[in-house]
Full PDB file with SEQRES, HELIX, SHEET, SSBOND, CRYST1, ORIGX, SCALE, CONECT and MASTER records, all heavy atoms in Angstrom:
SEQRES   1 A   35  LEU ARG ALA LEU GLN ARG LYS ALA ILE MET ALA ARG SER          
SEQRES   2 A   35  CYS ALA ILE CYS GLY LYS THR SER ILE GLY GLY PHE ASN          
SEQRES   3 A   35  PRO GLN SER SER GLY MET ASN ARG VAL                          
HELIX    1 AA1 ARG A    2  ARG A    6  1                                   5    
CRYST1    1.000    1.000    1.000  90.00  90.00  90.00 P 1           1          
ORIGX1      1.000000  0.000000  0.000000        0.00000                         
ORIGX2      0.000000  1.000000  0.000000        0.00000                         
ORIGX3      0.000000  0.000000  1.000000        0.00000                         
SCALE1      1.000000  0.000000  0.000000        0.00000                         
SCALE2      0.000000  1.000000  0.000000        0.00000                         
SCALE3      0.000000  0.000000  1.000000        0.00000                         
ATOM      1  N   LEU A   1     -13.623  11.365  12.157  1.00  0.00           N  
ATOM      2  CA  LEU A   1     -14.228  10.171  12.703  1.00  0.00           C  
ATOM      3  C   LEU A   1     -15.657  10.086  12.368  1.00  0.00           C  
ATOM      4  O   LEU A   1     -16.182   9.041  11.958  1.00  0.00           O  
ATOM      5  CB  LEU A   1     -14.007  10.151  14.245  1.00  0.00           C  
ATOM      6  CG  LEU A   1     -14.519   8.897  14.847  1.00  0.00           C  
ATOM      7  CD1 LEU A   1     -13.722   7.698  14.428  1.00  0.00           C  
ATOM      8  CD2 LEU A   1     -14.343   8.958  16.409  1.00  0.00           C  
ATOM      9  N   ARG A   2     -16.357  11.185  12.432  1.00  0.00           N  
ATOM     10  CA  ARG A   2     -17.896  11.220  12.104  1.00  0.00           C  
ATOM     11  C   ARG A   2     -18.002  10.846  10.662  1.00  0.00           C  
ATOM     12  O   ARG A   2     -18.874  10.144  10.166  1.00  0.00           O  
ATOM     13  CB  ARG A   2     -18.398  12.573  12.452  1.00  0.00           C  
ATOM     14  CG  ARG A   2     -19.196  12.556  13.779  1.00  0.00           C  
ATOM     15  CD  ARG A   2     -19.883  13.894  13.998  1.00  0.00           C  
ATOM     16  NE  ARG A   2     -18.898  14.836  14.480  1.00  0.00           N  
ATOM     17  CZ  ARG A   2     -18.582  15.998  13.875  1.00  0.00           C  
ATOM     18  NH1 ARG A   2     -19.227  16.326  12.806  1.00  0.00           N  
ATOM     19  NH2 ARG A   2     -17.745  16.738  14.416  1.00  0.00           N  
ATOM     20  N   ALA A   3     -17.101  11.490   9.780  1.00  0.00           N  
ATOM     21  CA  ALA A   3     -17.242  11.151   8.330  1.00  0.00           C  
ATOM     22  C   ALA A   3     -17.008   9.680   8.038  1.00  0.00           C  
ATOM     23  O   ALA A   3     -17.592   9.124   7.191  1.00  0.00           O  
ATOM     24  CB  ALA A   3     -16.255  12.083   7.559  1.00  0.00           C  
ATOM     25  N   LEU A   4     -15.936   9.145   8.795  1.00  0.00           N  
ATOM     26  CA  LEU A   4     -15.679   7.686   8.560  1.00  0.00           C  
ATOM     27  C   LEU A   4     -16.763   6.895   8.964  1.00  0.00           C  
ATOM     28  O   LEU A   4     -17.036   5.815   8.406  1.00  0.00           O  
ATOM     29  CB  LEU A   4     -14.359   7.350   9.321  1.00  0.00           C  
ATOM     30  CG  LEU A   4     -13.126   7.969   8.727  1.00  0.00           C  
ATOM     31  CD1 LEU A   4     -11.863   7.705   9.661  1.00  0.00           C  
ATOM     32  CD2 LEU A   4     -12.732   7.390   7.324  1.00  0.00           C  
ATOM     33  N   GLN A   5     -17.500   7.242  10.097  1.00  0.00           N  
ATOM     34  CA  GLN A   5     -18.617   6.388  10.529  1.00  0.00           C  
ATOM     35  C   GLN A   5     -19.821   6.441   9.732  1.00  0.00           C  
ATOM     36  O   GLN A   5     -20.510   5.425   9.447  1.00  0.00           O  
ATOM     37  CB  GLN A   5     -18.991   6.887  11.934  1.00  0.00           C  
ATOM     38  CG  GLN A   5     -17.971   6.579  12.939  1.00  0.00           C  
ATOM     39  CD  GLN A   5     -18.256   7.109  14.344  1.00  0.00           C  
ATOM     40  OE1 GLN A   5     -19.115   8.075  14.397  1.00  0.00           O  
ATOM     41  NE2 GLN A   5     -17.615   6.667  15.348  1.00  0.00           N  
ATOM     42  N   ARG A   6     -19.882   7.644   8.893  1.00  0.00           N  
ATOM     43  CA  ARG A   6     -21.101   7.759   8.030  1.00  0.00           C  
ATOM     44  C   ARG A   6     -21.024   6.796   6.834  1.00  0.00           C  
ATOM     45  O   ARG A   6     -21.943   6.135   6.438  1.00  0.00           O  
ATOM     46  CB  ARG A   6     -21.223   9.129   7.583  1.00  0.00           C  
ATOM     47  CG  ARG A   6     -22.167   9.943   8.449  1.00  0.00           C  
ATOM     48  CD  ARG A   6     -22.472  11.272   7.817  1.00  0.00           C  
ATOM     49  NE  ARG A   6     -21.637  12.190   8.561  1.00  0.00           N  
ATOM     50  CZ  ARG A   6     -21.102  13.190   8.013  1.00  0.00           C  
ATOM     51  NH1 ARG A   6     -21.173  13.469   6.757  1.00  0.00           N  
ATOM     52  NH2 ARG A   6     -20.337  14.089   8.767  1.00  0.00           N  
ATOM     53  N   LYS A   7     -19.883   6.787   6.152  1.00  0.00           N  
ATOM     54  CA  LYS A   7     -19.676   5.878   5.086  1.00  0.00           C  
ATOM     55  C   LYS A   7     -18.135   5.631   4.894  1.00  0.00           C  
ATOM     56  O   LYS A   7     -17.437   6.492   5.233  1.00  0.00           O  
ATOM     57  CB  LYS A   7     -20.224   6.393   3.759  1.00  0.00           C  
ATOM     58  CG  LYS A   7     -19.490   7.507   3.124  1.00  0.00           C  
ATOM     59  CD  LYS A   7     -20.133   7.792   1.775  1.00  0.00           C  
ATOM     60  CE  LYS A   7     -19.154   8.574   0.929  1.00  0.00           C  
ATOM     61  NZ  LYS A   7     -19.592   8.714  -0.467  1.00  0.00           N  
ATOM     62  N   ALA A   8     -17.780   4.530   4.367  1.00  0.00           N  
ATOM     63  CA  ALA A   8     -16.340   4.200   4.059  1.00  0.00           C  
ATOM     64  C   ALA A   8     -15.834   5.148   2.975  1.00  0.00           C  
ATOM     65  O   ALA A   8     -16.448   5.338   1.929  1.00  0.00           O  
ATOM     66  CB  ALA A   8     -16.220   2.761   3.640  1.00  0.00           C  
ATOM     67  N   ILE A   9     -14.757   5.726   3.200  1.00  0.00           N  
ATOM     68  CA  ILE A   9     -14.110   6.701   2.202  1.00  0.00           C  
ATOM     69  C   ILE A   9     -13.168   5.892   1.416  1.00  0.00           C  
ATOM     70  O   ILE A   9     -12.115   5.370   1.984  1.00  0.00           O  
ATOM     71  CB  ILE A   9     -13.450   7.884   2.996  1.00  0.00           C  
ATOM     72  CG1 ILE A   9     -14.582   8.669   3.621  1.00  0.00           C  
ATOM     73  CG2 ILE A   9     -12.742   8.771   1.935  1.00  0.00           C  
ATOM     74  CD1 ILE A   9     -14.048   9.785   4.501  1.00  0.00           C  
ATOM     75  N   MET A  10     -13.229   5.933   0.043  1.00  0.00           N  
ATOM     76  CA  MET A  10     -12.286   5.251  -0.793  1.00  0.00           C  
ATOM     77  C   MET A  10     -11.253   6.348  -1.173  1.00  0.00           C  
ATOM     78  O   MET A  10     -11.562   7.530  -1.391  1.00  0.00           O  
ATOM     79  CB  MET A  10     -12.909   4.704  -1.995  1.00  0.00           C  
ATOM     80  CG  MET A  10     -13.295   3.283  -1.925  1.00  0.00           C  
ATOM     81  SD  MET A  10     -13.754   2.540  -3.529  1.00  0.00           S  
ATOM     82  CE  MET A  10     -12.218   2.552  -4.300  1.00  0.00           C  
ATOM     83  N   ALA A  11      -9.989   5.913  -1.229  1.00  0.00           N  
ATOM     84  CA  ALA A  11      -8.961   6.871  -1.638  1.00  0.00           C  
ATOM     85  C   ALA A  11      -8.960   7.170  -3.107  1.00  0.00           C  
ATOM     86  O   ALA A  11      -9.044   6.329  -3.927  1.00  0.00           O  
ATOM     87  CB  ALA A  11      -7.608   6.324  -1.137  1.00  0.00           C  
ATOM     88  N   ARG A  12      -8.845   8.396  -3.454  1.00  0.00           N  
ATOM     89  CA  ARG A  12      -8.523   8.831  -4.949  1.00  0.00           C  
ATOM     90  C   ARG A  12      -9.646   8.330  -5.775  1.00  0.00           C  
ATOM     91  O   ARG A  12      -9.272   7.795  -6.884  1.00  0.00           O  
ATOM     92  CB  ARG A  12      -7.176   8.395  -5.319  1.00  0.00           C  
ATOM     93  CG  ARG A  12      -6.084   8.852  -4.420  1.00  0.00           C  
ATOM     94  CD  ARG A  12      -5.984  10.349  -4.241  1.00  0.00           C  
ATOM     95  NE  ARG A  12      -5.826  11.136  -5.407  1.00  0.00           N  
ATOM     96  CZ  ARG A  12      -5.973  12.408  -5.483  1.00  0.00           C  
ATOM     97  NH1 ARG A  12      -6.244  13.107  -4.440  1.00  0.00           N  
ATOM     98  NH2 ARG A  12      -5.751  12.988  -6.581  1.00  0.00           N  
ATOM     99  N   SER A  13     -10.880   8.576  -5.514  1.00  0.00           N  
ATOM    100  CA  SER A  13     -11.927   8.298  -6.352  1.00  0.00           C  
ATOM    101  C   SER A  13     -12.999   9.446  -6.330  1.00  0.00           C  
ATOM    102  O   SER A  13     -13.117  10.148  -5.318  1.00  0.00           O  
ATOM    103  CB  SER A  13     -12.703   6.970  -6.140  1.00  0.00           C  
ATOM    104  OG  SER A  13     -13.241   6.999  -4.883  1.00  0.00           O  
ATOM    105  N   CYS A  14     -13.737   9.662  -7.462  1.00  0.00           N  
ATOM    106  CA  CYS A  14     -14.701  10.647  -7.500  1.00  0.00           C  
ATOM    107  C   CYS A  14     -15.956  10.262  -6.492  1.00  0.00           C  
ATOM    108  O   CYS A  14     -16.392   9.209  -6.593  1.00  0.00           O  
ATOM    109  CB  CYS A  14     -15.197  10.880  -8.975  1.00  0.00           C  
ATOM    110  SG  CYS A  14     -16.482  12.088  -9.092  1.00  0.00           S  
ATOM    111  N   ALA A  15     -16.370  11.268  -5.768  1.00  0.00           N  
ATOM    112  CA  ALA A  15     -17.509  10.959  -4.935  1.00  0.00           C  
ATOM    113  C   ALA A  15     -18.847  10.821  -5.604  1.00  0.00           C  
ATOM    114  O   ALA A  15     -19.777  10.244  -5.061  1.00  0.00           O  
ATOM    115  CB  ALA A  15     -17.557  12.113  -3.824  1.00  0.00           C  
ATOM    116  N   ILE A  16     -18.884  11.233  -6.914  1.00  0.00           N  
ATOM    117  CA  ILE A  16     -20.134  11.228  -7.536  1.00  0.00           C  
ATOM    118  C   ILE A  16     -20.159  10.069  -8.574  1.00  0.00           C  
ATOM    119  O   ILE A  16     -21.150   9.257  -8.447  1.00  0.00           O  
ATOM    120  CB  ILE A  16     -20.431  12.541  -8.336  1.00  0.00           C  
ATOM    121  CG1 ILE A  16     -20.514  13.730  -7.281  1.00  0.00           C  
ATOM    122  CG2 ILE A  16     -21.566  12.505  -9.194  1.00  0.00           C  
ATOM    123  CD1 ILE A  16     -20.532  15.104  -7.962  1.00  0.00           C  
ATOM    124  N   CYS A  17     -19.217  10.005  -9.472  1.00  0.00           N  
ATOM    125  CA  CYS A  17     -19.310   8.983 -10.438  1.00  0.00           C  
ATOM    126  C   CYS A  17     -18.444   7.774 -10.173  1.00  0.00           C  
ATOM    127  O   CYS A  17     -18.498   6.625 -10.750  1.00  0.00           O  
ATOM    128  CB  CYS A  17     -18.869   9.434 -11.866  1.00  0.00           C  
ATOM    129  SG  CYS A  17     -17.160  10.038 -11.906  1.00  0.00           S  
ATOM    130  N   GLY A  18     -17.462   7.881  -9.159  1.00  0.00           N  
ATOM    131  CA  GLY A  18     -16.656   6.738  -8.683  1.00  0.00           C  
ATOM    132  C   GLY A  18     -15.488   6.539  -9.667  1.00  0.00           C  
ATOM    133  O   GLY A  18     -14.892   5.410  -9.590  1.00  0.00           O  
ATOM    134  N   LYS A  19     -15.104   7.486 -10.482  1.00  0.00           N  
ATOM    135  CA  LYS A  19     -13.940   7.253 -11.365  1.00  0.00           C  
ATOM    136  C   LYS A  19     -12.676   7.175 -10.585  1.00  0.00           C  
ATOM    137  O   LYS A  19     -12.413   7.891  -9.646  1.00  0.00           O  
ATOM    138  CB  LYS A  19     -13.882   8.601 -12.308  1.00  0.00           C  
ATOM    139  CG  LYS A  19     -12.744   8.500 -13.389  1.00  0.00           C  
ATOM    140  CD  LYS A  19     -12.652   9.721 -14.073  1.00  0.00           C  
ATOM    141  CE  LYS A  19     -13.836   9.920 -14.988  1.00  0.00           C  
ATOM    142  NZ  LYS A  19     -13.631  11.118 -15.899  1.00  0.00           N  
ATOM    143  N   THR A  20     -11.958   6.209 -11.001  1.00  0.00           N  
ATOM    144  CA  THR A  20     -10.591   5.871 -10.296  1.00  0.00           C  
ATOM    145  C   THR A  20      -9.466   5.858 -11.287  1.00  0.00           C  
ATOM    146  O   THR A  20      -9.772   5.938 -12.544  1.00  0.00           O  
ATOM    147  CB  THR A  20     -10.634   4.580  -9.535  1.00  0.00           C  
ATOM    148  OG1 THR A  20     -10.853   3.496 -10.429  1.00  0.00           O  
ATOM    149  CG2 THR A  20     -11.654   4.561  -8.356  1.00  0.00           C  
ATOM    150  N   SER A  21      -8.295   5.655 -10.934  1.00  0.00           N  
ATOM    151  CA  SER A  21      -7.149   5.599 -11.747  1.00  0.00           C  
ATOM    152  C   SER A  21      -7.181   4.203 -12.538  1.00  0.00           C  
ATOM    153  O   SER A  21      -7.643   3.165 -12.063  1.00  0.00           O  
ATOM    154  CB  SER A  21      -5.856   5.715 -11.000  1.00  0.00           C  
ATOM    155  OG  SER A  21      -5.680   4.695 -10.105  1.00  0.00           O  
ATOM    156  N   ILE A  22      -6.656   4.237 -13.730  1.00  0.00           N  
ATOM    157  CA  ILE A  22      -6.584   2.972 -14.531  1.00  0.00           C  
ATOM    158  C   ILE A  22      -5.160   2.855 -15.087  1.00  0.00           C  
ATOM    159  O   ILE A  22      -4.398   3.725 -15.183  1.00  0.00           O  
ATOM    160  CB  ILE A  22      -7.569   3.077 -15.695  1.00  0.00           C  
ATOM    161  CG1 ILE A  22      -7.285   4.226 -16.737  1.00  0.00           C  
ATOM    162  CG2 ILE A  22      -8.907   3.122 -15.445  1.00  0.00           C  
ATOM    163  CD1 ILE A  22      -7.963   4.211 -18.028  1.00  0.00           C  
ATOM    164  N   GLY A  23      -4.777   1.598 -15.451  1.00  0.00           N  
ATOM    165  CA  GLY A  23      -3.504   1.325 -15.915  1.00  0.00           C  
ATOM    166  C   GLY A  23      -3.491   1.385 -17.413  1.00  0.00           C  
ATOM    167  O   GLY A  23      -4.377   1.334 -18.039  1.00  0.00           O  
ATOM    168  N   GLY A  24      -2.164   1.746 -17.880  1.00  0.00           N  
ATOM    169  CA  GLY A  24      -1.951   1.855 -19.397  1.00  0.00           C  
ATOM    170  C   GLY A  24      -0.582   1.722 -19.709  1.00  0.00           C  
ATOM    171  O   GLY A  24       0.254   1.257 -18.861  1.00  0.00           O  
ATOM    172  N   PHE A  25      -0.180   2.103 -20.901  1.00  0.00           N  
ATOM    173  CA  PHE A  25       1.161   2.001 -21.324  1.00  0.00           C  
ATOM    174  C   PHE A  25       1.603   3.482 -21.873  1.00  0.00           C  
ATOM    175  O   PHE A  25       0.807   4.223 -22.430  1.00  0.00           O  
ATOM    176  CB  PHE A  25       1.290   1.117 -22.513  1.00  0.00           C  
ATOM    177  CG  PHE A  25       1.005  -0.326 -22.093  1.00  0.00           C  
ATOM    178  CD1 PHE A  25      -0.198  -0.910 -22.370  1.00  0.00           C  
ATOM    179  CD2 PHE A  25       1.944  -1.096 -21.428  1.00  0.00           C  
ATOM    180  CE1 PHE A  25      -0.543  -2.225 -22.029  1.00  0.00           C  
ATOM    181  CE2 PHE A  25       1.717  -2.334 -20.967  1.00  0.00           C  
ATOM    182  CZ  PHE A  25       0.491  -2.934 -21.277  1.00  0.00           C  
ATOM    183  N   ASN A  26       2.871   3.796 -21.639  1.00  0.00           N  
ATOM    184  CA  ASN A  26       3.418   4.939 -22.186  1.00  0.00           C  
ATOM    185  C   ASN A  26       3.855   4.641 -23.738  1.00  0.00           C  
ATOM    186  O   ASN A  26       4.438   3.676 -23.957  1.00  0.00           O  
ATOM    187  CB  ASN A  26       4.773   5.286 -21.540  1.00  0.00           C  
ATOM    188  CG  ASN A  26       4.564   6.426 -20.433  1.00  0.00           C  
ATOM    189  OD1 ASN A  26       3.531   7.061 -20.498  1.00  0.00           O  
ATOM    190  ND2 ASN A  26       5.485   6.558 -19.545  1.00  0.00           N  
ATOM    191  N   PRO A  27       3.488   5.524 -24.626  1.00  0.00           N  
ATOM    192  CA  PRO A  27       3.969   5.292 -25.956  1.00  0.00           C  
ATOM    193  C   PRO A  27       5.431   5.537 -26.150  1.00  0.00           C  
ATOM    194  O   PRO A  27       5.883   6.551 -25.776  1.00  0.00           O  
ATOM    195  CB  PRO A  27       3.143   6.338 -26.798  1.00  0.00           C  
ATOM    196  CG  PRO A  27       2.740   7.404 -25.838  1.00  0.00           C  
ATOM    197  CD  PRO A  27       2.692   6.715 -24.484  1.00  0.00           C  
ATOM    198  N   GLN A  28       6.075   4.562 -26.681  1.00  0.00           N  
ATOM    199  CA  GLN A  28       7.525   4.719 -26.950  1.00  0.00           C  
ATOM    200  C   GLN A  28       7.783   5.006 -28.382  1.00  0.00           C  
ATOM    201  O   GLN A  28       7.243   4.260 -29.277  1.00  0.00           O  
ATOM    202  CB  GLN A  28       8.195   3.364 -26.561  1.00  0.00           C  
ATOM    203  CG  GLN A  28       8.066   2.917 -25.172  1.00  0.00           C  
ATOM    204  CD  GLN A  28       8.650   3.898 -24.170  1.00  0.00           C  
ATOM    205  OE1 GLN A  28       9.831   4.195 -24.363  1.00  0.00           O  
ATOM    206  NE2 GLN A  28       7.927   4.254 -23.147  1.00  0.00           N  
ATOM    207  N   SER A  29       8.447   6.072 -28.648  1.00  0.00           N  
ATOM    208  CA  SER A  29       8.558   6.505 -30.067  1.00  0.00           C  
ATOM    209  C   SER A  29       9.937   6.148 -30.670  1.00  0.00           C  
ATOM    210  O   SER A  29      10.021   6.335 -31.926  1.00  0.00           O  
ATOM    211  CB  SER A  29       8.430   7.989 -30.106  1.00  0.00           C  
ATOM    212  OG  SER A  29       9.365   8.644 -29.264  1.00  0.00           O  
ATOM    213  N   SER A  30      10.815   5.667 -29.866  1.00  0.00           N  
ATOM    214  CA  SER A  30      12.120   5.377 -30.501  1.00  0.00           C  
ATOM    215  C   SER A  30      12.429   3.887 -30.346  1.00  0.00           C  
ATOM    216  O   SER A  30      11.989   3.256 -29.473  1.00  0.00           O  
ATOM    217  CB  SER A  30      13.260   6.206 -29.791  1.00  0.00           C  
ATOM    218  OG  SER A  30      13.339   5.806 -28.523  1.00  0.00           O  
ATOM    219  N   GLY A  31      13.286   3.391 -31.304  1.00  0.00           N  
ATOM    220  CA  GLY A  31      13.642   2.001 -31.305  1.00  0.00           C  
ATOM    221  C   GLY A  31      12.833   1.128 -32.126  1.00  0.00           C  
ATOM    222  O   GLY A  31      11.736   1.470 -32.533  1.00  0.00           O  
ATOM    223  N   MET A  32      13.422   0.007 -32.368  1.00  0.00           N  
ATOM    224  CA  MET A  32      12.693  -0.954 -33.286  1.00  0.00           C  
ATOM    225  C   MET A  32      11.550  -1.836 -32.537  1.00  0.00           C  
ATOM    226  O   MET A  32      10.591  -2.173 -33.058  1.00  0.00           O  
ATOM    227  CB  MET A  32      13.731  -1.960 -33.896  1.00  0.00           C  
ATOM    228  CG  MET A  32      14.497  -1.303 -35.005  1.00  0.00           C  
ATOM    229  SD  MET A  32      13.608  -1.204 -36.484  1.00  0.00           S  
ATOM    230  CE  MET A  32      13.526  -2.845 -37.137  1.00  0.00           C  
ATOM    231  N   ASN A  33      11.849  -2.138 -31.207  1.00  0.00           N  
ATOM    232  CA  ASN A  33      11.008  -3.159 -30.583  1.00  0.00           C  
ATOM    233  C   ASN A  33       9.742  -2.460 -29.968  1.00  0.00           C  
ATOM    234  O   ASN A  33       8.849  -3.202 -29.563  1.00  0.00           O  
ATOM    235  CB  ASN A  33      11.849  -3.823 -29.420  1.00  0.00           C  
ATOM    236  CG  ASN A  33      12.823  -4.860 -30.112  1.00  0.00           C  
ATOM    237  OD1 ASN A  33      12.545  -5.306 -31.172  1.00  0.00           O  
ATOM    238  ND2 ASN A  33      13.930  -5.090 -29.355  1.00  0.00           N  
ATOM    239  N   ARG A  34       9.774  -1.156 -29.814  1.00  0.00           N  
ATOM    240  CA  ARG A  34       8.641  -0.484 -29.237  1.00  0.00           C  
ATOM    241  C   ARG A  34       8.203  -1.022 -27.868  1.00  0.00           C  
ATOM    242  O   ARG A  34       7.168  -1.608 -27.661  1.00  0.00           O  
ATOM    243  CB  ARG A  34       7.343  -0.594 -30.144  1.00  0.00           C  
ATOM    244  CG  ARG A  34       7.687   0.006 -31.550  1.00  0.00           C  
ATOM    245  CD  ARG A  34       7.288   1.400 -31.581  1.00  0.00           C  
ATOM    246  NE  ARG A  34       7.286   1.867 -33.018  1.00  0.00           N  
ATOM    247  CZ  ARG A  34       8.007   2.892 -33.377  1.00  0.00           C  
ATOM    248  NH1 ARG A  34       8.913   3.515 -32.648  1.00  0.00           N  
ATOM    249  NH2 ARG A  34       7.937   3.334 -34.639  1.00  0.00           N  
ATOM    250  N   VAL A  35       9.095  -1.004 -26.973  1.00  0.00           N  
ATOM    251  CA  VAL A  35       8.949  -1.478 -25.556  1.00  0.00           C  
ATOM    252  C   VAL A  35       7.844  -0.540 -24.881  1.00  0.00           C  
ATOM    253  O   VAL A  35       7.912   0.640 -24.899  1.00  0.00           O  
ATOM    254  CB  VAL A  35      10.188  -1.417 -24.728  1.00  0.00           C  
ATOM    255  CG1 VAL A  35       9.959  -1.870 -23.375  1.00  0.00           C  
ATOM    256  CG2 VAL A  35      11.288  -2.227 -25.456  1.00  0.00           C  
TER     257      VAL A  35                                                      
MASTER        0    0    0    1    0    0    0    6  256    1    0    3          
END                                                                             
């Protein structure tokens, strides 16, 4: 509770640089359409 009152805690981000998750695509190696 004390930690929450001091500052808002964001989930799953770096406390120093603020790096978070990003979206992307899985490379598909088989097939003609490359989904």
